[in-house]
Each structure stands twice: as structure tokens, then as C-alpha cells.
């Protein structure tokens, strides 16, 4: 199994419900976030396009954050989810610097923190909190290895992109365009 998130940028309205759900579900300290909304503007007047998208850790197959972690606190578990074990993290920040998605932050307690795809919810058969609350249903989550899963079908039938493809990380967050 390889978990993946697919976000339909044509449905996202930038409401930030996913951000608030994540902060609440994961007790993220005030002023910090594990996911965020990005507004990307392209083109020039009068042909201007706005893309809204929810961003987070991309849970990469080739995760530079895992490769550079001196203690092994950053690691990949079953399903391809990249996690940080807080009590093994020395807070050196090497993983923060190596992430091409700017998806990690220094937690006030001294360890590095990031999106976990709500791993604790996955273990109970639940969807990540962000996916569960999205009012436009623009977020999808499932198994890339199952060709019949909703995420696999969306990627098969829709045009999509990943962020920073030049980084060569093989991310598991995809954006329908």
C-alpha cells in the first residue's frame, strides 16, 4: 500500500477548513501549521489565472528529510507515510533545510513537526482530518497501489501535477489541474 492525497485545484475555494481541522486534530501550537493554503497567480492581464491549493508534507518515496536526519527520527512507515519521532529528534533542522516543499517547522518543544497524513486516524481506518472536513470535497485520499482506488482513478483520468518535480522526490500529493 502507498497512501496518496489528490487535491482538485478546480474545486478548492481556499477556505482553510483543512488547516483548522489539522491544527485542532493534531494539537498544533498557535501560530504554526502542518498544512496551508497557497494562492498561485499566473498569466498577465487580461488572461490571469488563480490556482488555490492546500499544501503540506508530500510524503515522498525519496524523502531528503529522511536521508539527512542524523538520528533516524525522520522515517518512513508502512504506506509510505513520513513521520518524525519527537523524542528522537534533536531539533538540528537538517530536515527543514532539505525539504523542497517547506513542509516542516521547529516545534516550540524543540523537535521538528509536520503533516503525518493523520497517521493515528489511518490506523483506525479513518481519513485524514483535512479530507474529512473539506466542504467542497476537493481532497481525496487512498492507496496508489490499488488501481481501482479513487485516487488512482483520478490520476488516470485527469490532468495533474506535483510540486517541485525537479527535486526528484516522487511525492504522494498530487494536484488535479
N, C-alpha and C. Protein backbone atom coordinates (compact mmCIF):
# COMPACT_ATOMS: atom_id res chain seq x y z
N UNK A 1 0.84 -1.18 0.00
CA UNK A 1 0.00 0.00 0.00
C UNK A 1 0.88 1.25 0.00
N UNK A 2 0.49 2.24 -0.81
CA UNK A 2 1.15 3.54 -0.83
C UNK A 2 0.07 4.60 -0.75
N UNK A 3 -0.03 5.25 0.40
CA UNK A 3 -1.03 6.30 0.56
C UNK A 3 -0.71 7.50 -0.32
N UNK A 4 -1.76 8.16 -0.80
CA UNK A 4 -1.60 9.38 -1.58
C UNK A 4 -2.78 10.30 -1.34
N UNK A 5 -2.51 11.59 -1.52
CA UNK A 5 -3.55 12.60 -1.44
C UNK A 5 -3.64 13.26 -2.81
N UNK A 6 -4.86 13.45 -3.27
CA UNK A 6 -5.12 14.14 -4.53
C UNK A 6 -6.01 15.33 -4.20
N UNK A 7 -5.61 16.50 -4.69
CA UNK A 7 -6.35 17.72 -4.41
C UNK A 7 -6.77 18.35 -5.73
N UNK A 8 -8.07 18.57 -5.87
CA UNK A 8 -8.62 19.15 -7.09
C UNK A 8 -8.57 20.66 -6.98
N UNK A 9 -7.62 21.28 -7.69
CA UNK A 9 -7.46 22.73 -7.61
C UNK A 9 -8.62 23.48 -8.27
N UNK A 10 -9.43 22.79 -9.05
CA UNK A 10 -10.59 23.43 -9.67
C UNK A 10 -11.76 23.52 -8.69
N UNK A 11 -11.72 22.74 -7.60
CA UNK A 11 -12.77 22.76 -6.60
C UNK A 11 -12.38 23.53 -5.33
N UNK A 12 -11.09 23.65 -5.07
CA UNK A 12 -10.64 24.30 -3.84
C UNK A 12 -11.01 25.78 -3.87
N UNK A 13 -11.62 26.27 -2.78
CA UNK A 13 -12.00 27.69 -2.68
C UNK A 13 -11.13 28.44 -1.68
N UNK A 14 -10.12 27.78 -1.13
CA UNK A 14 -9.20 28.45 -0.21
C UNK A 14 -9.81 28.80 1.14
N UNK A 15 -10.77 28.03 1.60
CA UNK A 15 -11.49 28.36 2.84
C UNK A 15 -10.67 28.13 4.11
N UNK A 16 -9.63 27.31 4.02
CA UNK A 16 -8.75 26.97 5.15
C UNK A 16 -9.39 26.04 6.19
N UNK A 17 -10.52 25.42 5.87
CA UNK A 17 -11.09 24.44 6.80
C UNK A 17 -10.10 23.30 7.05
N UNK A 18 -9.34 22.92 6.03
CA UNK A 18 -8.36 21.84 6.18
C UNK A 18 -7.27 22.25 7.17
N UNK A 19 -6.87 23.50 7.14
CA UNK A 19 -5.82 23.99 8.04
C UNK A 19 -6.31 23.96 9.48
N UNK A 20 -7.52 24.45 9.71
CA UNK A 20 -8.09 24.49 11.06
C UNK A 20 -8.32 23.07 11.58
N UNK A 21 -8.82 22.18 10.73
CA UNK A 21 -9.05 20.79 11.14
C UNK A 21 -7.76 20.13 11.56
N UNK A 22 -6.69 20.38 10.81
CA UNK A 22 -5.38 19.81 11.13
C UNK A 22 -4.87 20.35 12.46
N UNK A 23 -4.95 21.66 12.64
CA UNK A 23 -4.48 22.27 13.88
C UNK A 23 -5.22 21.70 15.08
N UNK A 24 -6.52 21.54 14.94
CA UNK A 24 -7.35 21.02 16.04
C UNK A 24 -7.07 19.54 16.29
N UNK A 25 -7.07 18.75 15.25
CA UNK A 25 -6.87 17.30 15.37
C UNK A 25 -5.51 16.96 15.95
N UNK A 26 -4.49 17.72 15.59
CA UNK A 26 -3.11 17.38 15.95
C UNK A 26 -2.50 18.27 17.03
N UNK A 27 -3.33 19.09 17.67
CA UNK A 27 -2.86 19.98 18.74
C UNK A 27 -1.64 20.79 18.29
N UNK A 28 -1.72 21.35 17.10
CA UNK A 28 -0.64 22.17 16.57
C UNK A 28 -0.61 23.48 17.36
N UNK A 29 0.57 23.89 17.84
CA UNK A 29 0.64 25.12 18.63
C UNK A 29 0.16 26.35 17.85
N UNK A 30 -0.44 27.28 18.57
CA UNK A 30 -0.93 28.52 17.96
C UNK A 30 0.21 29.21 17.22
N UNK A 31 -0.08 29.64 16.00
CA UNK A 31 0.92 30.32 15.19
C UNK A 31 1.70 29.40 14.26
N UNK A 32 1.45 28.11 14.33
CA UNK A 32 2.14 27.12 13.49
C UNK A 32 1.09 26.36 12.68
N UNK A 33 1.54 25.69 11.62
CA UNK A 33 0.61 24.86 10.85
C UNK A 33 1.36 23.74 10.15
N UNK A 34 0.65 22.64 9.95
CA UNK A 34 1.18 21.50 9.22
C UNK A 34 0.74 21.52 7.77
N UNK A 35 -0.29 22.29 7.47
CA UNK A 35 -0.75 22.49 6.10
C UNK A 35 -1.20 23.94 5.96
N UNK A 36 -1.31 24.40 4.75
CA UNK A 36 -1.63 25.80 4.49
C UNK A 36 -2.22 25.93 3.10
N UNK A 37 -2.82 27.09 2.83
CA UNK A 37 -3.40 27.37 1.52
C UNK A 37 -2.46 28.28 0.74
N UNK A 38 -2.20 27.91 -0.50
CA UNK A 38 -1.37 28.72 -1.38
C UNK A 38 -2.23 29.26 -2.52
N UNK A 39 -2.02 30.54 -2.83
CA UNK A 39 -2.66 31.17 -3.99
C UNK A 39 -1.57 31.42 -5.03
N UNK A 40 -1.69 30.77 -6.18
CA UNK A 40 -0.72 30.94 -7.25
C UNK A 40 -1.39 31.66 -8.42
N UNK A 41 -0.84 32.80 -8.78
CA UNK A 41 -1.37 33.58 -9.89
C UNK A 41 -0.43 33.43 -11.07
N UNK A 42 -0.99 33.19 -12.25
CA UNK A 42 -0.17 33.07 -13.45
C UNK A 42 -0.83 33.84 -14.60
N UNK A 43 -0.04 34.16 -15.60
CA UNK A 43 -0.53 34.89 -16.75
C UNK A 43 -0.39 36.38 -16.54
N UNK A 44 -0.92 37.12 -17.50
CA UNK A 44 -0.91 38.57 -17.40
C UNK A 44 -2.25 39.09 -17.90
N UNK A 45 -2.59 40.24 -17.42
CA UNK A 45 -3.88 40.84 -17.75
C UNK A 45 -4.05 40.94 -19.25
N UNK A 46 -5.18 40.55 -19.80
CA UNK A 46 -6.42 40.16 -19.14
C UNK A 46 -6.56 38.65 -18.94
N UNK A 47 -5.52 37.89 -19.24
CA UNK A 47 -5.57 36.42 -19.14
C UNK A 47 -4.85 35.97 -17.86
N UNK A 48 -5.46 36.22 -16.74
CA UNK A 48 -4.88 35.89 -15.45
C UNK A 48 -5.62 34.68 -14.88
N UNK A 49 -4.85 33.74 -14.32
CA UNK A 49 -5.45 32.56 -13.69
C UNK A 49 -5.01 32.49 -12.23
N UNK A 50 -5.93 32.08 -11.38
CA UNK A 50 -5.67 31.90 -9.96
C UNK A 50 -5.86 30.44 -9.61
N UNK A 51 -4.85 29.87 -8.98
CA UNK A 51 -4.95 28.48 -8.52
C UNK A 51 -4.86 28.49 -7.00
N UNK A 52 -5.84 27.89 -6.34
CA UNK A 52 -5.83 27.72 -4.89
C UNK A 52 -5.52 26.26 -4.61
N UNK A 53 -4.62 26.03 -3.65
CA UNK A 53 -4.30 24.64 -3.33
C UNK A 53 -3.88 24.52 -1.86
N UNK A 54 -4.22 23.41 -1.30
CA UNK A 54 -3.82 23.07 0.06
C UNK A 54 -2.49 22.33 -0.02
N UNK A 55 -1.48 22.84 0.70
CA UNK A 55 -0.15 22.23 0.65
C UNK A 55 0.24 21.68 2.01
N UNK A 56 1.20 20.73 1.99
CA UNK A 56 1.66 20.05 3.20
C UNK A 56 2.87 19.20 2.84
N UNK A 57 3.34 18.40 3.79
CA UNK A 57 4.36 17.41 3.51
C UNK A 57 3.86 16.52 2.37
N UNK A 58 4.73 16.20 1.44
CA UNK A 58 4.36 15.40 0.27
C UNK A 58 4.61 13.90 0.45
N UNK A 59 5.07 13.48 1.62
CA UNK A 59 5.28 12.06 1.93
C UNK A 59 5.97 11.34 0.77
N UNK A 60 7.16 11.80 0.47
CA UNK A 60 7.92 11.37 -0.70
C UNK A 60 8.48 9.96 -0.57
N UNK A 61 8.56 9.27 -1.70
CA UNK A 61 9.25 7.98 -1.74
C UNK A 61 10.74 8.17 -1.48
N UNK A 62 11.31 9.20 -2.08
CA UNK A 62 12.73 9.52 -1.92
C UNK A 62 12.80 10.80 -1.10
N UNK A 63 12.59 10.67 0.18
CA UNK A 63 12.46 11.82 1.07
C UNK A 63 13.82 12.32 1.53
N UNK A 64 14.23 13.52 1.10
CA UNK A 64 15.52 14.06 1.54
C UNK A 64 15.57 14.29 3.05
N UNK A 65 14.43 14.56 3.66
CA UNK A 65 14.38 14.77 5.11
C UNK A 65 14.76 13.51 5.87
N UNK A 66 14.37 12.37 5.35
CA UNK A 66 14.70 11.09 5.99
C UNK A 66 16.19 10.78 5.77
N UNK A 67 16.64 11.03 4.57
CA UNK A 67 18.03 10.74 4.22
C UNK A 67 19.01 11.56 5.06
N UNK A 68 18.67 12.80 5.38
CA UNK A 68 19.62 13.67 6.08
C UNK A 68 19.47 13.66 7.60
N UNK A 69 18.47 13.00 8.13
CA UNK A 69 18.24 13.01 9.58
C UNK A 69 19.34 12.22 10.30
N UNK A 70 20.10 12.88 11.19
CA UNK A 70 21.22 12.19 11.84
C UNK A 70 20.82 11.17 12.90
N UNK A 71 19.58 11.23 13.38
CA UNK A 71 19.17 10.32 14.46
C UNK A 71 18.19 9.25 14.01
N UNK A 72 17.65 9.39 12.81
CA UNK A 72 16.62 8.45 12.36
C UNK A 72 15.23 8.84 12.85
N UNK A 73 15.12 10.01 13.47
CA UNK A 73 13.81 10.47 13.95
C UNK A 73 12.84 10.62 12.78
N UNK A 74 13.32 11.10 11.65
CA UNK A 74 12.51 11.17 10.44
C UNK A 74 12.62 9.82 9.74
N UNK A 75 11.48 9.20 9.51
CA UNK A 75 11.48 7.87 8.93
C UNK A 75 10.18 7.64 8.15
N UNK A 76 10.17 6.58 7.35
CA UNK A 76 9.01 6.22 6.55
C UNK A 76 8.41 4.93 7.12
N UNK A 77 7.10 4.94 7.35
CA UNK A 77 6.41 3.76 7.86
C UNK A 77 5.58 3.13 6.74
N UNK A 78 4.95 2.00 7.06
CA UNK A 78 4.11 1.32 6.09
C UNK A 78 3.11 2.29 5.46
N UNK A 79 2.91 2.15 4.19
CA UNK A 79 2.01 3.04 3.47
C UNK A 79 2.72 4.25 2.89
N UNK A 80 4.03 4.38 3.18
CA UNK A 80 4.80 5.48 2.64
C UNK A 80 4.65 6.79 3.39
N UNK A 81 4.10 6.75 4.60
CA UNK A 81 3.92 7.96 5.39
C UNK A 81 5.24 8.32 6.06
N UNK A 82 5.65 9.58 5.90
CA UNK A 82 6.87 10.08 6.52
C UNK A 82 6.51 10.67 7.88
N UNK A 83 7.15 10.17 8.93
CA UNK A 83 6.88 10.61 10.30
C UNK A 83 8.15 11.12 10.97
N UNK A 84 7.96 11.86 12.05
CA UNK A 84 9.05 12.30 12.91
C UNK A 84 8.75 11.80 14.32
N UNK A 85 9.67 11.05 14.90
CA UNK A 85 9.53 10.62 16.28
C UNK A 85 10.11 11.72 17.16
N UNK A 86 9.23 12.45 17.84
CA UNK A 86 9.62 13.66 18.56
C UNK A 86 10.73 13.43 19.59
N UNK A 87 10.65 12.34 20.34
CA UNK A 87 11.66 12.14 21.39
C UNK A 87 13.01 11.65 20.86
N UNK A 88 13.09 11.35 19.55
CA UNK A 88 14.38 11.02 18.93
C UNK A 88 14.96 12.19 18.15
N UNK A 89 14.15 13.22 17.94
CA UNK A 89 14.57 14.39 17.17
C UNK A 89 15.39 15.32 18.06
N UNK A 90 16.55 15.75 17.56
CA UNK A 90 17.41 16.66 18.32
C UNK A 90 17.20 18.12 17.89
N UNK A 91 16.28 18.34 16.95
CA UNK A 91 15.94 19.70 16.54
C UNK A 91 17.03 20.40 15.74
N UNK A 92 17.88 19.64 15.07
CA UNK A 92 19.00 20.24 14.33
C UNK A 92 18.55 21.04 13.12
N UNK A 93 17.38 20.70 12.57
CA UNK A 93 16.83 21.43 11.44
C UNK A 93 17.33 20.98 10.08
N UNK A 94 18.15 19.94 10.01
CA UNK A 94 18.64 19.47 8.71
C UNK A 94 17.47 19.08 7.80
N UNK A 95 16.46 18.47 8.37
CA UNK A 95 15.30 18.05 7.57
C UNK A 95 14.51 19.26 7.06
N UNK A 96 14.44 20.31 7.85
CA UNK A 96 13.75 21.53 7.44
C UNK A 96 14.43 22.11 6.20
N UNK A 97 15.75 22.17 6.25
CA UNK A 97 16.51 22.73 5.14
C UNK A 97 16.45 21.85 3.89
N UNK A 98 16.33 20.55 4.05
CA UNK A 98 16.36 19.65 2.90
C UNK A 98 15.01 19.49 2.21
N UNK A 99 13.93 19.92 2.84
CA UNK A 99 12.59 19.72 2.27
C UNK A 99 12.30 20.73 1.16
N UNK A 100 12.07 20.26 -0.07
CA UNK A 100 11.79 21.19 -1.16
C UNK A 100 10.38 21.79 -1.09
N UNK A 101 9.56 21.35 -0.15
CA UNK A 101 8.18 21.82 -0.02
C UNK A 101 7.98 22.75 1.18
N UNK A 102 9.04 23.06 1.90
CA UNK A 102 8.93 23.89 3.11
C UNK A 102 7.83 23.39 4.04
N UNK A 103 7.79 22.08 4.23
CA UNK A 103 6.68 21.47 4.93
C UNK A 103 6.95 21.16 6.41
N UNK A 104 8.10 21.54 6.91
CA UNK A 104 8.45 21.24 8.30
C UNK A 104 8.68 22.52 9.08
N UNK A 105 8.48 22.44 10.37
CA UNK A 105 8.74 23.59 11.23
C UNK A 105 9.31 23.13 12.57
N UNK A 106 9.98 24.04 13.22
CA UNK A 106 10.55 23.77 14.54
C UNK A 106 9.45 23.96 15.57
N UNK A 107 9.03 22.88 16.21
CA UNK A 107 8.00 22.92 17.25
C UNK A 107 8.57 23.65 18.47
N UNK A 108 7.76 24.42 19.19
CA UNK A 108 8.26 25.11 20.38
C UNK A 108 8.88 24.18 21.43
N UNK A 109 8.53 22.90 21.40
CA UNK A 109 9.10 21.93 22.35
C UNK A 109 10.49 21.46 21.94
N UNK A 110 10.98 21.91 20.76
CA UNK A 110 12.35 21.60 20.37
C UNK A 110 12.52 20.57 19.27
N UNK A 111 11.47 19.86 18.94
CA UNK A 111 11.56 18.89 17.85
C UNK A 111 10.94 19.45 16.58
N UNK A 112 11.18 18.80 15.48
CA UNK A 112 10.60 19.20 14.20
C UNK A 112 9.23 18.53 14.07
N UNK A 113 8.29 19.25 13.47
CA UNK A 113 6.94 18.72 13.29
C UNK A 113 6.51 18.93 11.84
N UNK A 114 5.48 18.18 11.41
CA UNK A 114 4.99 18.24 10.03
C UNK A 114 3.71 17.44 9.90
N UNK A 115 3.11 17.49 8.74
CA UNK A 115 1.93 16.68 8.43
C UNK A 115 2.28 15.19 8.55
N UNK A 116 1.35 14.43 9.08
CA UNK A 116 1.53 12.98 9.21
C UNK A 116 0.48 12.21 8.41
N UNK A 117 -0.28 12.91 7.56
CA UNK A 117 -1.46 12.33 6.92
C UNK A 117 -2.41 11.82 8.00
N UNK A 118 -2.33 12.39 9.20
CA UNK A 118 -3.12 11.94 10.36
C UNK A 118 -2.96 10.43 10.54
N UNK A 119 -1.71 10.01 10.64
CA UNK A 119 -1.40 8.58 10.75
C UNK A 119 -2.21 7.89 11.84
N UNK A 120 -2.44 8.57 12.95
CA UNK A 120 -3.23 7.99 14.04
C UNK A 120 -4.66 7.70 13.59
N UNK A 121 -5.19 8.48 12.68
CA UNK A 121 -6.53 8.23 12.14
C UNK A 121 -6.49 7.10 11.11
N UNK A 122 -5.44 7.06 10.28
CA UNK A 122 -5.32 6.00 9.28
C UNK A 122 -5.30 4.63 9.95
N UNK A 123 -4.62 4.55 11.09
CA UNK A 123 -4.54 3.28 11.82
C UNK A 123 -5.91 2.80 12.29
N UNK A 124 -6.87 3.71 12.39
CA UNK A 124 -8.25 3.38 12.80
C UNK A 124 -9.18 3.25 11.60
N UNK A 125 -8.61 3.35 10.38
CA UNK A 125 -9.43 3.25 9.18
C UNK A 125 -10.14 4.54 8.83
N UNK A 126 -9.72 5.66 9.41
CA UNK A 126 -10.33 6.96 9.14
C UNK A 126 -9.49 7.75 8.14
N UNK A 127 -10.12 8.72 7.52
CA UNK A 127 -9.41 9.62 6.61
C UNK A 127 -8.68 10.69 7.41
N UNK A 128 -7.66 11.32 6.80
CA UNK A 128 -7.04 12.46 7.46
C UNK A 128 -8.10 13.53 7.77
N UNK A 129 -7.89 14.28 8.84
CA UNK A 129 -8.86 15.28 9.27
C UNK A 129 -9.16 16.29 8.17
N UNK A 130 -8.13 16.72 7.44
CA UNK A 130 -8.32 17.72 6.38
C UNK A 130 -9.28 17.22 5.31
N UNK A 131 -9.15 15.97 4.93
CA UNK A 131 -10.00 15.38 3.90
C UNK A 131 -11.43 15.27 4.42
N UNK A 132 -11.57 14.90 5.69
CA UNK A 132 -12.89 14.69 6.28
C UNK A 132 -13.74 15.96 6.34
N UNK A 133 -13.10 17.11 6.50
CA UNK A 133 -13.88 18.35 6.70
C UNK A 133 -14.04 19.21 5.46
N UNK A 134 -13.37 18.90 4.38
CA UNK A 134 -13.38 19.78 3.21
C UNK A 134 -14.81 19.99 2.69
N UNK A 135 -15.30 21.23 2.72
CA UNK A 135 -16.69 21.46 2.31
C UNK A 135 -16.93 21.31 0.81
N UNK A 136 -15.88 21.46 -0.01
CA UNK A 136 -16.05 21.31 -1.46
C UNK A 136 -15.68 19.90 -1.94
N UNK A 137 -15.25 19.06 -1.01
CA UNK A 137 -14.85 17.69 -1.35
C UNK A 137 -13.77 17.67 -2.43
N UNK A 138 -12.81 18.61 -2.32
CA UNK A 138 -11.74 18.69 -3.32
C UNK A 138 -10.55 17.82 -2.95
N UNK A 139 -10.57 17.20 -1.77
CA UNK A 139 -9.44 16.40 -1.31
C UNK A 139 -9.83 14.92 -1.29
N UNK A 140 -8.94 14.11 -1.82
CA UNK A 140 -9.16 12.66 -1.91
C UNK A 140 -7.95 11.97 -1.30
N UNK A 141 -8.18 10.81 -0.70
CA UNK A 141 -7.10 10.08 -0.06
C UNK A 141 -7.30 8.60 -0.29
N UNK A 142 -6.21 7.88 -0.58
CA UNK A 142 -6.34 6.45 -0.79
C UNK A 142 -5.02 5.80 -1.16
N UNK A 143 -5.13 4.60 -1.70
CA UNK A 143 -3.98 3.74 -2.00
C UNK A 143 -3.60 3.82 -3.47
N UNK A 144 -2.40 4.32 -3.74
CA UNK A 144 -1.90 4.39 -5.12
C UNK A 144 -1.69 3.01 -5.73
N UNK A 145 -1.41 2.02 -4.90
CA UNK A 145 -1.15 0.67 -5.40
C UNK A 145 -2.42 -0.06 -5.82
N UNK A 146 -3.57 0.45 -5.45
CA UNK A 146 -4.84 -0.15 -5.84
C UNK A 146 -5.34 0.60 -7.08
N UNK A 147 -5.30 -0.05 -8.25
CA UNK A 147 -5.70 0.65 -9.48
C UNK A 147 -7.17 1.06 -9.49
N UNK A 148 -7.98 0.48 -8.61
CA UNK A 148 -9.40 0.82 -8.54
C UNK A 148 -9.72 1.86 -7.48
N UNK A 149 -8.72 2.30 -6.74
CA UNK A 149 -8.98 3.30 -5.71
C UNK A 149 -9.35 4.63 -6.37
N UNK A 150 -10.04 5.46 -5.62
CA UNK A 150 -10.45 6.75 -6.16
C UNK A 150 -9.26 7.61 -6.56
N UNK A 151 -8.18 7.59 -5.76
CA UNK A 151 -7.01 8.39 -6.12
C UNK A 151 -6.36 7.89 -7.40
N UNK A 152 -6.27 6.58 -7.56
CA UNK A 152 -5.69 6.01 -8.79
C UNK A 152 -6.54 6.36 -10.01
N UNK A 153 -7.84 6.27 -9.86
CA UNK A 153 -8.74 6.58 -10.97
C UNK A 153 -8.67 8.06 -11.35
N UNK A 154 -8.60 8.94 -10.35
CA UNK A 154 -8.48 10.37 -10.63
C UNK A 154 -7.19 10.67 -11.39
N UNK A 155 -6.09 10.06 -10.96
CA UNK A 155 -4.81 10.30 -11.62
C UNK A 155 -4.77 9.69 -13.02
N UNK A 156 -5.54 8.65 -13.22
CA UNK A 156 -5.60 8.01 -14.55
C UNK A 156 -6.43 8.85 -15.52
N UNK A 157 -7.47 9.49 -15.02
CA UNK A 157 -8.43 10.14 -15.89
C UNK A 157 -8.36 11.67 -15.94
N UNK A 158 -7.54 12.27 -15.09
CA UNK A 158 -7.47 13.74 -15.05
C UNK A 158 -6.03 14.19 -15.23
N UNK A 159 -5.87 15.39 -15.72
CA UNK A 159 -4.55 16.00 -15.82
C UNK A 159 -4.15 16.44 -14.41
N UNK A 160 -2.89 16.21 -14.05
CA UNK A 160 -2.44 16.55 -12.71
C UNK A 160 -0.98 16.99 -12.74
N UNK A 161 -0.55 17.51 -11.61
CA UNK A 161 0.85 17.90 -11.45
C UNK A 161 1.27 17.60 -10.02
N UNK A 162 2.57 17.60 -9.81
CA UNK A 162 3.14 17.57 -8.47
C UNK A 162 3.95 18.85 -8.30
N UNK A 163 4.26 19.18 -7.08
CA UNK A 163 5.07 20.36 -6.82
C UNK A 163 6.54 19.99 -6.87
N UNK A 164 7.36 20.87 -7.35
CA UNK A 164 8.82 20.72 -7.42
C UNK A 164 9.25 19.37 -8.01
N UNK A 165 8.76 19.02 -9.20
CA UNK A 165 9.15 17.73 -9.80
C UNK A 165 10.66 17.61 -10.01
N UNK A 166 11.31 18.75 -10.19
CA UNK A 166 12.76 18.74 -10.40
C UNK A 166 13.53 18.23 -9.18
N UNK A 167 12.89 18.18 -8.03
CA UNK A 167 13.55 17.68 -6.81
C UNK A 167 13.73 16.16 -6.83
N UNK A 168 12.97 15.46 -7.67
CA UNK A 168 13.11 14.02 -7.80
C UNK A 168 12.71 13.23 -6.56
N UNK A 169 11.76 13.73 -5.81
CA UNK A 169 11.38 13.09 -4.53
C UNK A 169 10.28 12.05 -4.66
N UNK A 170 9.60 12.00 -5.81
CA UNK A 170 8.44 11.12 -6.01
C UNK A 170 7.40 11.35 -4.91
N UNK A 171 6.80 12.56 -4.92
CA UNK A 171 5.84 12.91 -3.88
C UNK A 171 4.52 12.15 -4.00
N UNK A 172 3.79 12.07 -2.90
CA UNK A 172 2.49 11.40 -2.85
C UNK A 172 1.34 12.37 -2.65
N UNK A 173 1.56 13.63 -3.00
CA UNK A 173 0.49 14.63 -3.04
C UNK A 173 0.42 15.11 -4.48
N UNK A 174 -0.77 15.01 -5.06
CA UNK A 174 -0.99 15.33 -6.47
C UNK A 174 -2.07 16.40 -6.57
N UNK A 175 -1.93 17.27 -7.55
CA UNK A 175 -2.87 18.37 -7.77
C UNK A 175 -3.54 18.22 -9.13
N UNK A 176 -4.85 18.04 -9.11
CA UNK A 176 -5.61 17.99 -10.36
C UNK A 176 -5.71 19.41 -10.91
N UNK A 177 -5.46 19.55 -12.20
CA UNK A 177 -5.46 20.88 -12.81
C UNK A 177 -6.41 20.95 -14.00
